[in-house]
Amino acid sequence: MVNILVFKIGVNCFGIETAHVKSITKNAERVKDKPFPVFADGLVDYVFPDKRINKCREREFIIASFERDEFVMPIDGIVDI
């Protein structure tokens, strides 16, 4: 059986197969004990259709860490694991 992390962005749900993910961190400012490069002093800069979000605590997000990279993804909430 495959485990999939399902998350929601707007009205759409998406999934990441957990076999390809080393770690998932929710609303954290550090990855691998180092400041995440996208977060200058804990700030993120996402542009959404209705407004700009520039503080990491104003929006829920996940950090997915893969074998060679990490990425930050804003989410509306984790639906299921």
N, C-alpha and C. Protein backbone atom coordinates (compact mmCIF):
# COMPACT_ATOMS: atom_id res chain seq x y z
N MET A 1 0.84 -1.17 0.00
CA MET A 1 0.00 0.00 0.00
C MET A 1 0.89 1.25 0.00
N VAL A 2 0.48 2.27 -0.73
CA VAL A 2 1.22 3.52 -0.84
C VAL A 2 0.62 4.53 0.13
N ASN A 3 1.49 5.26 0.85
CA ASN A 3 1.03 6.34 1.71
C ASN A 3 1.15 7.66 0.97
N ILE A 4 0.10 8.45 1.01
CA ILE A 4 0.08 9.73 0.30
C ILE A 4 -0.33 10.82 1.27
N LEU A 5 0.45 11.90 1.29
CA LEU A 5 0.08 13.09 2.04
C LEU A 5 -0.85 13.90 1.15
N VAL A 6 -2.05 14.16 1.62
CA VAL A 6 -3.03 14.92 0.85
C VAL A 6 -3.16 16.30 1.47
N PHE A 7 -3.06 17.34 0.66
CA PHE A 7 -3.20 18.69 1.16
C PHE A 7 -4.11 19.48 0.25
N LYS A 8 -4.62 20.57 0.77
CA LYS A 8 -5.64 21.34 0.06
C LYS A 8 -5.12 22.74 -0.24
N ILE A 9 -5.26 23.16 -1.49
CA ILE A 9 -4.94 24.52 -1.92
C ILE A 9 -6.19 25.06 -2.58
N GLY A 10 -6.81 26.05 -1.97
CA GLY A 10 -8.09 26.54 -2.48
C GLY A 10 -9.13 25.45 -2.35
N VAL A 11 -9.81 25.13 -3.44
CA VAL A 11 -10.81 24.07 -3.42
C VAL A 11 -10.24 22.74 -3.93
N ASN A 12 -8.98 22.74 -4.35
CA ASN A 12 -8.37 21.55 -4.92
C ASN A 12 -7.54 20.80 -3.90
N CYS A 13 -7.55 19.47 -3.99
CA CYS A 13 -6.71 18.62 -3.15
C CYS A 13 -5.61 18.00 -4.01
N PHE A 14 -4.42 17.91 -3.45
CA PHE A 14 -3.27 17.35 -4.13
C PHE A 14 -2.60 16.35 -3.20
N GLY A 15 -1.78 15.49 -3.75
CA GLY A 15 -1.10 14.50 -2.92
C GLY A 15 0.35 14.33 -3.32
N ILE A 16 1.16 13.96 -2.33
CA ILE A 16 2.56 13.62 -2.57
C ILE A 16 2.75 12.21 -2.04
N GLU A 17 3.27 11.32 -2.87
CA GLU A 17 3.55 9.96 -2.39
C GLU A 17 4.70 10.04 -1.41
N THR A 18 4.50 9.55 -0.21
CA THR A 18 5.48 9.74 0.85
C THR A 18 6.78 8.97 0.61
N ALA A 19 6.77 7.99 -0.27
CA ALA A 19 8.01 7.26 -0.58
C ALA A 19 9.05 8.18 -1.20
N HIS A 20 8.62 9.27 -1.82
CA HIS A 20 9.54 10.19 -2.48
C HIS A 20 9.92 11.37 -1.59
N VAL A 21 9.42 11.41 -0.38
CA VAL A 21 9.63 12.56 0.50
C VAL A 21 10.43 12.12 1.72
N LYS A 22 11.51 12.86 2.02
CA LYS A 22 12.31 12.54 3.20
C LYS A 22 11.65 13.05 4.47
N SER A 23 11.06 14.23 4.41
CA SER A 23 10.41 14.78 5.60
C SER A 23 9.40 15.84 5.19
N ILE A 24 8.41 16.03 6.04
CA ILE A 24 7.41 17.09 5.86
C ILE A 24 7.40 17.89 7.15
N THR A 25 7.54 19.19 7.04
CA THR A 25 7.52 20.06 8.21
C THR A 25 6.46 21.12 7.99
N LYS A 26 5.62 21.35 8.96
CA LYS A 26 4.55 22.33 8.82
C LYS A 26 4.91 23.60 9.56
N ASN A 27 4.87 24.73 8.87
CA ASN A 27 5.10 26.05 9.44
C ASN A 27 6.39 26.15 10.24
N ALA A 28 7.47 25.62 9.70
CA ALA A 28 8.76 25.70 10.37
C ALA A 28 9.65 26.68 9.62
N GLU A 29 10.56 27.31 10.34
CA GLU A 29 11.45 28.27 9.72
C GLU A 29 12.81 27.66 9.41
N ARG A 30 13.04 26.43 9.84
CA ARG A 30 14.34 25.80 9.60
C ARG A 30 14.14 24.41 9.00
N VAL A 31 15.03 24.07 8.09
CA VAL A 31 15.05 22.73 7.51
C VAL A 31 16.47 22.22 7.63
N LYS A 32 16.65 20.98 8.04
CA LYS A 32 17.98 20.39 8.19
C LYS A 32 18.87 21.23 9.09
N ASP A 33 18.31 21.81 10.15
CA ASP A 33 19.06 22.61 11.14
C ASP A 33 19.74 23.83 10.54
N LYS A 34 19.30 24.27 9.38
CA LYS A 34 19.82 25.49 8.79
C LYS A 34 18.63 26.35 8.39
N PRO A 35 18.80 27.68 8.40
CA PRO A 35 17.69 28.53 7.94
C PRO A 35 17.33 28.17 6.50
N PHE A 36 16.04 28.06 6.24
CA PHE A 36 15.60 27.77 4.88
C PHE A 36 15.87 28.99 4.01
N PRO A 37 16.55 28.84 2.87
CA PRO A 37 16.99 30.00 2.09
C PRO A 37 15.87 30.94 1.66
N VAL A 38 14.67 30.41 1.46
CA VAL A 38 13.57 31.26 1.01
C VAL A 38 13.08 32.17 2.14
N PHE A 39 13.39 31.83 3.37
CA PHE A 39 12.89 32.58 4.51
C PHE A 39 13.96 33.56 4.98
N ALA A 40 13.91 34.76 4.55
CA ALA A 40 14.82 35.77 5.08
C ALA A 40 14.25 36.23 6.42
N ASP A 41 14.91 35.88 7.50
CA ASP A 41 14.45 36.23 8.85
C ASP A 41 13.03 35.75 9.12
N GLY A 42 12.71 34.55 8.64
CA GLY A 42 11.39 33.98 8.91
C GLY A 42 10.28 34.53 8.05
N LEU A 43 10.63 35.26 6.99
CA LEU A 43 9.60 35.81 6.11
C LEU A 43 9.51 34.99 4.84
N VAL A 44 8.32 34.84 4.34
CA VAL A 44 8.12 34.26 3.02
C VAL A 44 7.38 35.29 2.18
N ASP A 45 7.49 35.17 0.89
CA ASP A 45 6.89 36.17 0.01
C ASP A 45 6.10 35.45 -1.07
N TYR A 46 4.84 35.16 -0.79
CA TYR A 46 3.95 34.53 -1.75
C TYR A 46 2.97 35.56 -2.27
N VAL A 47 2.67 35.52 -3.56
CA VAL A 47 1.66 36.39 -4.12
C VAL A 47 0.46 35.53 -4.50
N PHE A 48 -0.67 35.81 -3.90
CA PHE A 48 -1.91 35.13 -4.21
C PHE A 48 -2.77 36.08 -5.02
N PRO A 49 -3.78 35.58 -5.71
CA PRO A 49 -4.61 36.46 -6.55
C PRO A 49 -5.21 37.64 -5.78
N ASP A 50 -5.52 37.45 -4.50
CA ASP A 50 -6.20 38.51 -3.77
C ASP A 50 -5.29 39.34 -2.88
N LYS A 51 -4.13 38.82 -2.48
CA LYS A 51 -3.26 39.61 -1.61
C LYS A 51 -1.87 39.00 -1.55
N ARG A 52 -0.94 39.78 -1.04
CA ARG A 52 0.43 39.32 -0.85
C ARG A 52 0.59 38.84 0.59
N ILE A 53 1.19 37.68 0.76
CA ILE A 53 1.44 37.13 2.08
C ILE A 53 2.95 37.22 2.31
N ASN A 54 3.39 37.92 3.34
CA ASN A 54 4.83 38.03 3.51
C ASN A 54 5.31 37.67 4.91
N LYS A 55 4.45 37.11 5.72
CA LYS A 55 4.90 36.64 7.03
C LYS A 55 4.53 35.17 7.14
N CYS A 56 5.47 34.35 7.58
CA CYS A 56 5.23 32.91 7.56
C CYS A 56 4.08 32.51 8.47
N ARG A 57 3.73 33.27 9.48
CA ARG A 57 2.65 32.89 10.38
C ARG A 57 1.27 33.32 9.87
N GLU A 58 1.22 34.05 8.75
CA GLU A 58 -0.07 34.47 8.20
C GLU A 58 -0.68 33.40 7.31
N ARG A 59 0.07 32.38 7.01
CA ARG A 59 -0.40 31.37 6.05
C ARG A 59 0.17 30.03 6.45
N GLU A 60 -0.64 28.98 6.42
CA GLU A 60 -0.11 27.65 6.68
C GLU A 60 0.62 27.15 5.44
N PHE A 61 1.70 26.45 5.65
CA PHE A 61 2.43 25.89 4.53
C PHE A 61 3.13 24.63 5.00
N ILE A 62 3.58 23.84 4.04
CA ILE A 62 4.40 22.68 4.38
C ILE A 62 5.73 22.82 3.66
N ILE A 63 6.75 22.25 4.26
CA ILE A 63 8.06 22.15 3.63
C ILE A 63 8.27 20.68 3.34
N ALA A 64 8.42 20.33 2.09
CA ALA A 64 8.69 18.95 1.71
C ALA A 64 10.16 18.83 1.36
N SER A 65 10.84 17.91 1.99
CA SER A 65 12.27 17.72 1.78
C SER A 65 12.48 16.45 0.97
N PHE A 66 13.05 16.60 -0.22
CA PHE A 66 13.34 15.47 -1.09
C PHE A 66 14.83 15.15 -1.01
N GLU A 67 15.28 14.19 -1.78
CA GLU A 67 16.67 13.75 -1.68
C GLU A 67 17.66 14.88 -1.95
N ARG A 68 17.38 15.74 -2.91
CA ARG A 68 18.34 16.79 -3.27
C ARG A 68 17.80 18.21 -3.10
N ASP A 69 16.58 18.37 -2.63
CA ASP A 69 15.99 19.70 -2.63
C ASP A 69 14.89 19.78 -1.59
N GLU A 70 14.49 20.99 -1.26
CA GLU A 70 13.31 21.24 -0.45
C GLU A 70 12.44 22.24 -1.18
N PHE A 71 11.14 22.23 -0.88
CA PHE A 71 10.30 23.29 -1.40
C PHE A 71 9.26 23.65 -0.37
N VAL A 72 8.80 24.88 -0.44
CA VAL A 72 7.77 25.39 0.46
C VAL A 72 6.49 25.50 -0.34
N MET A 73 5.39 25.01 0.23
CA MET A 73 4.11 25.04 -0.46
C MET A 73 3.04 25.60 0.47
N PRO A 74 2.43 26.73 0.12
CA PRO A 74 1.34 27.24 0.94
C PRO A 74 0.13 26.32 0.84
N ILE A 75 -0.56 26.10 1.95
CA ILE A 75 -1.72 25.21 1.95
C ILE A 75 -2.85 25.84 2.74
N ASP A 76 -4.05 25.37 2.50
CA ASP A 76 -5.20 25.79 3.30
C ASP A 76 -5.41 24.85 4.47
N GLY A 77 -4.79 23.68 4.44
CA GLY A 77 -4.89 22.75 5.54
C GLY A 77 -4.55 21.35 5.10
N ILE A 78 -4.05 20.54 6.02
CA ILE A 78 -3.76 19.15 5.72
C ILE A 78 -5.05 18.36 5.89
N VAL A 79 -5.43 17.63 4.86
CA VAL A 79 -6.69 16.90 4.85
C VAL A 79 -6.52 15.53 5.49
N ASP A 80 -5.49 14.79 5.10
CA ASP A 80 -5.31 13.44 5.59
C ASP A 80 -3.87 13.01 5.36
N ILE A 81 -3.41 12.08 6.17
CA ILE A 81 -2.07 11.52 5.97
C ILE A 81 -2.23 10.01 5.93
